[in-house]
C-alpha atoms as a PDB file:
ATOM      1  CA  UNK A   1     -92.030-140.281  38.212  1.00  0.00           C
ATOM      2  CA  UNK A   2     -91.516-143.723  37.193  1.00  0.00           C
ATOM      3  CA  UNK A   3     -91.836-142.816  33.307  1.00  0.00           C
ATOM      4  CA  UNK A   4     -89.486-140.188  33.857  1.00  0.00           C
ATOM      5  CA  UNK A   5     -86.894-142.706  35.289  1.00  0.00           C
ATOM      6  CA  UNK A   6     -87.648-145.160  32.300  1.00  0.00           C
ATOM      7  CA  UNK A   7     -87.143-142.537  29.802  1.00  0.00           C
ATOM      8  CA  UNK A   8     -83.930-141.390  30.886  1.00  0.00           C
ATOM      9  CA  UNK A   9     -82.564-144.964  31.112  1.00  0.00           C
ATOM     10  CA  UNK A  10     -83.434-145.711  27.824  1.00  0.00           C
ATOM     11  CA  UNK A  11     -81.776-142.513  26.674  1.00  0.00           C
ATOM     12  CA  UNK A  12     -78.907-143.730  28.290  1.00  0.00           C
ATOM     13  CA  UNK A  13     -78.980-146.522  25.870  1.00  0.00           C
ATOM     14  CA  UNK A  14     -79.192-144.324  22.417  1.00  0.00           C
ATOM     15  CA  UNK A  15     -76.065-142.209  23.285  1.00  0.00           C
ATOM     16  CA  UNK A  16     -74.150-141.783  19.994  1.00  0.00           C
ATOM     17  CA  UNK A  17     -70.867-144.762  20.024  1.00  0.00           C
ATOM     18  CA  UNK A  18     -68.687-141.683  20.440  1.00  0.00           C
ATOM     19  CA  UNK A  19     -69.638-140.654  23.853  1.00  0.00           C
ATOM     20  CA  UNK A  20     -68.875-144.473  25.138  1.00  0.00           C
ATOM     21  CA  UNK A  21     -64.999-143.929  23.931  1.00  0.00           C
ATOM     22  CA  UNK A  22     -62.639-144.757  26.751  1.00  0.00           C
ATOM     23  CA  UNK A  23     -59.827-141.703  25.869  1.00  0.00           C
ATOM     24  CA  UNK A  24     -59.998-138.366  24.241  1.00  0.00           C
ATOM     25  CA  UNK A  25     -58.234-139.467  21.259  1.00  0.00           C
ATOM     26  CA  UNK A  26     -60.288-142.405  20.726  1.00  0.00           C
ATOM     27  CA  UNK A  27     -63.499-140.115  21.174  1.00  0.00           C
ATOM     28  CA  UNK A  28     -61.917-137.685  18.512  1.00  0.00           C
ATOM     29  CA  UNK A  29     -61.157-140.719  16.310  1.00  0.00           C
ATOM     30  CA  UNK A  30     -64.553-141.948  16.693  1.00  0.00           C
ATOM     31  CA  UNK A  31     -66.213-138.380  15.486  1.00  0.00           C
ATOM     32  CA  UNK A  32     -64.082-138.271  12.558  1.00  0.00           C
ATOM     33  CA  UNK A  33     -65.328-141.509  11.414  1.00  0.00           C
ATOM     34  CA  UNK A  34     -68.697-140.475  11.618  1.00  0.00           C
ATOM     35  CA  UNK A  35     -68.157-137.294   9.991  1.00  0.00           C
ATOM     36  CA  UNK A  36     -66.551-139.333   7.163  1.00  0.00           C
ATOM     37  CA  UNK A  37     -69.232-141.958   7.036  1.00  0.00           C
ATOM     38  CA  UNK A  38     -72.075-138.802   7.259  1.00  0.00           C
ATOM     39  CA  UNK A  39     -70.495-136.699   4.465  1.00  0.00           C
ATOM     40  CA  UNK A  40     -69.986-139.830   2.105  1.00  0.00           C
ATOM     41  CA  UNK A  41     -73.801-140.792   2.406  1.00  0.00           C
ATOM     42  CA  UNK A  42     -74.783-137.549   1.824  1.00  0.00           C
ATOM     43  CA  UNK A  43     -73.089-136.933  -0.977  1.00  0.00           C
ATOM     44  CA  UNK A  44     -74.069-140.146  -2.327  1.00  0.00           C
ATOM     45  CA  UNK A  45     -77.704-139.311  -1.437  1.00  0.00           C
ATOM     46  CA  UNK A  46     -77.652-135.771  -2.717  1.00  0.00           C
ATOM     47  CA  UNK A  47     -74.394-135.560  -4.635  1.00  0.00           C
ATOM     48  CA  UNK A  48     -74.647-131.187  -5.035  1.00  0.00           C
ATOM     49  CA  UNK A  49     -74.151-130.983  -1.457  1.00  0.00           C
ATOM     50  CA  UNK A  50     -70.165-131.779  -1.716  1.00  0.00           C
ATOM     51  CA  UNK A  51     -69.416-128.644  -3.957  1.00  0.00           C
ATOM     52  CA  UNK A  52     -71.950-126.684  -1.581  1.00  0.00           C
ATOM     53  CA  UNK A  53     -69.901-127.852   1.601  1.00  0.00           C
ATOM     54  CA  UNK A  54     -66.465-127.361  -0.621  1.00  0.00           C
ATOM     55  CA  UNK A  55     -67.710-123.708  -0.973  1.00  0.00           C
ATOM     56  CA  UNK A  56     -69.046-122.665   2.559  1.00  0.00           C
ATOM     57  CA  UNK A  57     -67.442-120.980   5.002  1.00  0.00           C
ATOM     58  CA  UNK A  58     -67.547-123.863   7.182  1.00  0.00           C
ATOM     59  CA  UNK A  59     -69.807-127.504   8.024  1.00  0.00           C
ATOM     60  CA  UNK A  60     -70.875-129.159  11.199  1.00  0.00           C
ATOM     61  CA  UNK A  61     -71.700-132.522  11.545  1.00  0.00           C
ATOM     62  CA  UNK A  62     -73.181-134.639  14.653  1.00  0.00           C
ATOM     63  CA  UNK A  63     -74.273-137.938  15.539  1.00  0.00           C
ATOM     64  CA  UNK A  64     -77.513-138.277  17.554  1.00  0.00           C
ATOM     65  CA  UNK A  65     -79.962-140.328  19.327  1.00  0.00           C
ATOM     66  CA  UNK A  66     -83.447-139.173  20.441  1.00  0.00           C
ATOM     67  CA  UNK A  67     -86.256-140.864  22.595  1.00  0.00           C
ATOM     68  CA  UNK A  68     -89.745-139.708  22.524  1.00  0.00           C
ATOM     69  CA  UNK A  69     -91.933-141.159  25.525  1.00  0.00           C
ATOM     70  CA  UNK A  70     -95.477-139.801  25.282  1.00  0.00           C
ATOM     71  CA  UNK A  71     -95.205-136.325  26.584  1.00  0.00           C
ATOM     72  CA  UNK A  72     -91.394-135.554  26.858  1.00  0.00           C
ATOM     73  CA  UNK A  73     -88.407-136.338  24.736  1.00  0.00           C
ATOM     74  CA  UNK A  74     -84.756-136.158  25.137  1.00  0.00           C
ATOM     75  CA  UNK A  75     -81.649-136.483  22.873  1.00  0.00           C
ATOM     76  CA  UNK A  76     -77.685-136.188  23.012  1.00  0.00           C
ATOM     77  CA  UNK A  77     -74.867-136.126  20.578  1.00  0.00           C
ATOM     78  CA  UNK A  78     -71.613-135.559  19.711  1.00  0.00           C
ATOM     79  CA  UNK A  79     -69.940-134.044  16.609  1.00  0.00           C
ATOM     80  CA  UNK A  80     -67.515-131.202  15.365  1.00  0.00           C
ATOM     81  CA  UNK A  81     -67.851-128.085  13.470  1.00  0.00           C
ATOM     82  CA  UNK A  82     -64.973-127.474  10.568  1.00  0.00           C
ATOM     83  CA  UNK A  83     -63.720-123.915   9.378  1.00  0.00           C
ATOM     84  CA  UNK A  84     -63.069-124.506   5.909  1.00  0.00           C
ATOM     85  CA  UNK A  85     -61.030-121.020   5.791  1.00  0.00           C
ATOM     86  CA  UNK A  86     -58.413-122.053   8.609  1.00  0.00           C
ATOM     87  CA  UNK A  87     -58.867-126.039   7.875  1.00  0.00           C
ATOM     88  CA  UNK A  88     -59.586-126.057  11.880  1.00  0.00           C
ATOM     89  CA  UNK A  89     -61.975-128.727  13.656  1.00  0.00           C
ATOM     90  CA  UNK A  90     -63.965-127.393  16.966  1.00  0.00           C
ATOM     91  CA  UNK A  91     -65.222-130.460  18.714  1.00  0.00           C
ATOM     92  CA  UNK A  92     -68.888-130.093  20.202  1.00  0.00           C
ATOM     93  CA  UNK A  93     -72.042-131.524  22.017  1.00  0.00           C
ATOM     94  CA  UNK A  94     -75.694-131.451  21.461  1.00  0.00           C
ATOM     95  CA  UNK A  95     -78.648-131.766  23.557  1.00  0.00           C
ATOM     96  CA  UNK A  96     -82.391-131.816  23.124  1.00  0.00           C
ATOM     97  CA  UNK A  97     -85.398-131.691  25.367  1.00  0.00           C
ATOM     98  CA  UNK A  98     -88.854-131.040  24.488  1.00  0.00           C
ATOM     99  CA  UNK A  99     -92.552-131.331  25.735  1.00  0.00           C
ATOM    100  CA  UNK A 100     -95.487-132.496  23.458  1.00  0.00           C
ATOM    101  CA  UNK A 101     -96.819-135.651  22.130  1.00  0.00           C
ATOM    102  CA  UNK A 102     -94.500-138.184  20.984  1.00  0.00           C
ATOM    103  CA  UNK A 103     -93.144-142.051  20.820  1.00  0.00           C
ATOM    104  CA  UNK A 104     -90.392-143.881  19.469  1.00  0.00           C
ATOM    105  CA  UNK A 105     -86.407-143.246  19.145  1.00  0.00           C
ATOM    106  CA  UNK A 106     -84.216-142.899  16.315  1.00  0.00           C
ATOM    107  CA  UNK A 107     -80.578-142.441  15.485  1.00  0.00           C
ATOM    108  CA  UNK A 108     -79.502-139.692  13.047  1.00  0.00           C
ATOM    109  CA  UNK A 109     -76.998-137.582  11.707  1.00  0.00           C
ATOM    110  CA  UNK A 110     -77.295-133.827  11.197  1.00  0.00           C
ATOM    111  CA  UNK A 111     -75.003-131.968   8.677  1.00  0.00           C
ATOM    112  CA  UNK A 112     -75.190-127.817   8.974  1.00  0.00           C
ATOM    113  CA  UNK A 113     -73.275-125.850   5.840  1.00  0.00           C
ATOM    114  CA  UNK A 114     -72.777-122.554   7.037  1.00  0.00           C
ATOM    115  CA  UNK A 115     -72.742-120.008   4.189  1.00  0.00           C
ATOM    116  CA  UNK A 116     -72.231-116.743   6.402  1.00  0.00           C
ATOM    117  CA  UNK A 117     -68.875-116.346   8.619  1.00  0.00           C
ATOM    118  CA  UNK A 118     -70.966-114.709  11.433  1.00  0.00           C
ATOM    119  CA  UNK A 119     -73.299-117.556  11.672  1.00  0.00           C
ATOM    120  CA  UNK A 120     -70.425-120.128  11.882  1.00  0.00           C
ATOM    121  CA  UNK A 121     -68.604-117.883  14.333  1.00  0.00           C
ATOM    122  CA  UNK A 122     -71.941-117.848  16.594  1.00  0.00           C
ATOM    123  CA  UNK A 123     -72.629-121.469  16.356  1.00  0.00           C
ATOM    124  CA  UNK A 124     -68.926-122.069  17.389  1.00  0.00           C
ATOM    125  CA  UNK A 125     -68.606-119.830  20.155  1.00  0.00           C
ATOM    126  CA  UNK A 126     -72.121-119.237  21.925  1.00  0.00           C
ATOM    127  CA  UNK A 127     -73.733-122.502  20.527  1.00  0.00           C
ATOM    128  CA  UNK A 128     -77.232-122.517  18.899  1.00  0.00           C
ATOM    129  CA  UNK A 129     -80.811-123.225  20.396  1.00  0.00           C
ATOM    130  CA  UNK A 130     -83.473-124.328  17.772  1.00  0.00           C
ATOM    131  CA  UNK A 131     -87.062-124.607  18.860  1.00  0.00           C
ATOM    132  CA  UNK A 132     -90.231-126.819  17.616  1.00  0.00           C
ATOM    133  CA  UNK A 133     -90.178-129.873  15.585  1.00  0.00           C
ATOM    134  CA  UNK A 134     -92.484-132.335  13.721  1.00  0.00           C
ATOM    135  CA  UNK A 135     -91.218-135.468  12.299  1.00  0.00           C
ATOM    136  CA  UNK A 136     -91.683-138.760  11.323  1.00  0.00           C
ATOM    137  CA  UNK A 137     -89.063-141.576  10.734  1.00  0.00           C
ATOM    138  CA  UNK A 138     -89.732-145.628  10.387  1.00  0.00           C
ATOM    139  CA  UNK A 139     -86.395-147.236   9.452  1.00  0.00           C
ATOM    140  CA  UNK A 140     -84.337-150.304  10.350  1.00  0.00           C
ATOM    141  CA  UNK A 141     -81.375-151.347   8.276  1.00  0.00           C
ATOM    142  CA  UNK A 142     -82.575-150.759   4.680  1.00  0.00           C
ATOM    143  CA  UNK A 143     -86.071-150.998   5.164  1.00  0.00           C
ATOM    144  CA  UNK A 144     -88.315-148.215   6.213  1.00  0.00           C
ATOM    145  CA  UNK A 145     -88.191-144.572   4.945  1.00  0.00           C
ATOM    146  CA  UNK A 146     -87.680-140.859   7.001  1.00  0.00           C
ATOM    147  CA  UNK A 147     -88.638-137.541   6.410  1.00  0.00           C
ATOM    148  CA  UNK A 148     -85.450-135.780   5.212  1.00  0.00           C
ATOM    149  CA  UNK A 149     -83.898-133.164   3.176  1.00  0.00           C
ATOM    150  CA  UNK A 150     -82.616-129.718   3.714  1.00  0.00           C
ATOM    151  CA  UNK A 151     -83.911-126.796   5.516  1.00  0.00           C
ATOM    152  CA  UNK A 152     -82.834-123.131   5.767  1.00  0.00           C
ATOM    153  CA  UNK A 153     -83.617-122.521   9.524  1.00  0.00           C
ATOM    154  CA  UNK A 154     -80.430-120.081  10.143  1.00  0.00           C
ATOM    155  CA  UNK A 155     -79.843-117.222   8.048  1.00  0.00           C
ATOM    156  CA  UNK A 156     -76.647-118.313   6.263  1.00  0.00           C
ATOM    157  CA  UNK A 157     -76.796-122.043   7.201  1.00  0.00           C
ATOM    158  CA  UNK A 158     -78.425-124.935   5.769  1.00  0.00           C
ATOM    159  CA  UNK A 159     -79.330-128.264   7.640  1.00  0.00           C
ATOM    160  CA  UNK A 160     -79.582-131.762   6.089  1.00  0.00           C
ATOM    161  CA  UNK A 161     -80.721-134.707   8.368  1.00  0.00           C
ATOM    162  CA  UNK A 162     -80.285-138.219   7.563  1.00  0.00           C
ATOM    163  CA  UNK A 163     -82.141-140.792   9.809  1.00  0.00           C
ATOM    164  CA  UNK A 164     -79.861-143.907  10.655  1.00  0.00           C
ATOM    165  CA  UNK A 165     -82.368-146.273  12.294  1.00  0.00           C
ATOM    166  CA  UNK A 166     -85.603-145.977  14.416  1.00  0.00           C
ATOM    167  CA  UNK A 167     -89.350-145.717  14.573  1.00  0.00           C
ATOM    168  CA  UNK A 168     -90.474-142.223  16.064  1.00  0.00           C
ATOM    169  CA  UNK A 169     -93.429-140.074  15.453  1.00  0.00           C
ATOM    170  CA  UNK A 170     -93.632-136.378  17.324  1.00  0.00           C
ATOM    171  CA  UNK A 171     -94.989-133.199  17.602  1.00  0.00           C
ATOM    172  CA  UNK A 172     -92.947-131.522  20.075  1.00  0.00           C
ATOM    173  CA  UNK A 173     -92.058-128.302  21.455  1.00  0.00           C
ATOM    174  CA  UNK A 174     -88.236-128.650  21.620  1.00  0.00           C
ATOM    175  CA  UNK A 175     -84.872-126.768  22.076  1.00  0.00           C
ATOM    176  CA  UNK A 176     -81.558-128.241  20.754  1.00  0.00           C
ATOM    177  CA  UNK A 177     -78.560-126.500  22.354  1.00  0.00           C
ATOM    178  CA  UNK A 178     -74.852-126.791  20.498  1.00  0.00           C
ATOM    179  CA  UNK A 179     -72.071-125.978  22.628  1.00  0.00           C
ATOM    180  CA  UNK A 180     -67.954-126.840  22.532  1.00  0.00           C
ATOM    181  CA  UNK A 181     -66.857-129.730  24.033  1.00  0.00           C
ATOM    182  CA  UNK A 182     -63.884-128.485  26.151  1.00  0.00           C
ATOM    183  CA  UNK A 183     -62.402-131.841  27.084  1.00  0.00           C
ATOM    184  CA  UNK A 184     -62.167-132.431  22.975  1.00  0.00           C
ATOM    185  CA  UNK A 185     -60.725-129.316  22.286  1.00  0.00           C
ATOM    186  CA  UNK A 186     -58.016-129.255  24.716  1.00  0.00           C
ATOM    187  CA  UNK A 187     -54.869-128.431  22.712  1.00  0.00           C
ATOM    188  CA  UNK A 188     -52.612-130.337  24.835  1.00  0.00           C
ATOM    189  CA  UNK A 189     -54.065-133.573  23.639  1.00  0.00           C
ATOM    190  CA  UNK A 190     -52.565-134.808  20.293  1.00  0.00           C
ATOM    191  CA  UNK A 191     -55.023-134.884  17.394  1.00  0.00           C
ATOM    192  CA  UNK A 192     -55.778-138.054  15.747  1.00  0.00           C
END
């Protein structure tokens, strides 16, 4: 029980900075800045992705933190899904929990590129659960490296993961859930 309490205390420390913003407008602004920074980095590292995203039905960008402590792991993040056809942003949250063998923490950004309208619609309305992961990351600033790249894990979607910082090695059975953030999507609040 003591390990579990320490685990959740540490998890709070790695929440994305947007989760700490004071107001809805500040949270939205932090998410848009994260989106712009993440896409700029992705375009620099993988230039072909800019055309892929422009031609896609939509995309989603998330900033997340993850912590693995021996037999359990967890993570939390914020982001947005952007519909290229309607130019609409949908603010979202994500959470991840898992069991297995792991140790470490990492801060990472994930970009989903949706080529299928039904897959995008399902993602933004009912959310998404993904399971199973094995990865390794060791990066601090410009030093270190992480296993990254693209994967087709959904029909009609491609996922890119960019590790910011962290040191983690894990083989976990994990579930990741994405859902709409009702507070940030409230239309009565002015956009940034």
